[in-house]
């Protein structure tokens, strides 16, 4: 899935288009010969029946971006205004260069948008500039008896990962390291026997987080060398034993979308350590003794890889926030300067349908998520530290508190 941050210029000209829930029924895209140095042409179509012009334009360009992004080494970014046309500033997943909207026309109930795209393989997505809200929960222990020498390794690992993510300054972090989301660590990443995601959905709403990061320490096995096994047969007569010399650590990392509760990523990380791997009973995970040990260094390597993998998955996904207040034609959302919102940003407004979709599973207990309907778009007019105010494109749109907005 590719995420986009969108910014519009005010619409030019006059268009009279009725509003309704919209789904793109048909879209075609082609890549032609270069229009200028490094440019290719893309074209997208979206239905205009009973929906606002802004919504149709947003959908057409988004689908065009997705199709254009399939061309290797390309990326969409920037904005332009050509021939009096309103354009969108759209950035993709590090594949496309600057995009110019060169033509827009409507006919037979369809909106057609034609764009010229520059190749820029070195670019990055605009969505990475938006600070999404991430929560880190407790890392469970699959085999608690393997960690008797370490105090609360799961919570300590979760806290270190939270600090590492926070230090990137790319996210707004939520500390939930005291919360367990896996009743049975051996079932992770399943949230229960049926894989029901409602636990994540409820947690995301409670702590105001778009994504939930969870994990499990799957293995902390220690091993003796031939020397220590033989020596302990003698030293145990004098009341002491030599410590294990080798330890394996395996950590599972799971990323969830809090809107639906569905899993976005599941990875495992392995390290094997020789030497300083065993501690006195109850040594704190976050203590200097542990952090400076060989095992502590291995954990740092795992956390660095986890941080990079989370960034690769999250950064280019769209920002998703909630509407907290409606004063038409304006709405208030729970994202502001701290999330890098800017005046002029355009967001799509969605309503989540009430009934979840049941999955085909034992007794239909597993939920797949909720269907959504696009209401309209909104443009940010004022930004405060923790919230923003935006103007609805269609004042008559049925928009309510707890509806959500996305950057596409």
Foldseek 3Di string as FASTA:
>chain_A
DFFKFKFKDPFFDDDDAAADFFDFPDWDWDWDDAPDVQKTKIKIKGFRHRRDPQVQVVVRVVVRQVVVQVPAQAWEADEDAEPRGMIMGIIIAQRHAYKYFHDWDDDPRMIMTMIMTGGDNRDGHPLQLFAFEEEEEFAAELDVVLPQQEARQRLVLSVVLQVVLVVVLSYHYDYHHVDDQDPHNVPPPQSDPFSAQVVLLVVCVVRVGQKYKYKYWHFWDFAADPVQVVVQVPCVVVPDGDDTFKTKTKMWMWMAGNQFSDTDDIDMDIDMFGGFRGHHGHHYCPDPSNCPTRNNVVSVVVSVVVSVVCCSRPRRHWHKWWFADDDPQKTKTFAFVSRPDDFRTKKWWKDWDDDFDFDPTDVSNHTPGTDITTFFMWTWHAGDHGMTMTGTPDRPTPDDTGTMIISD
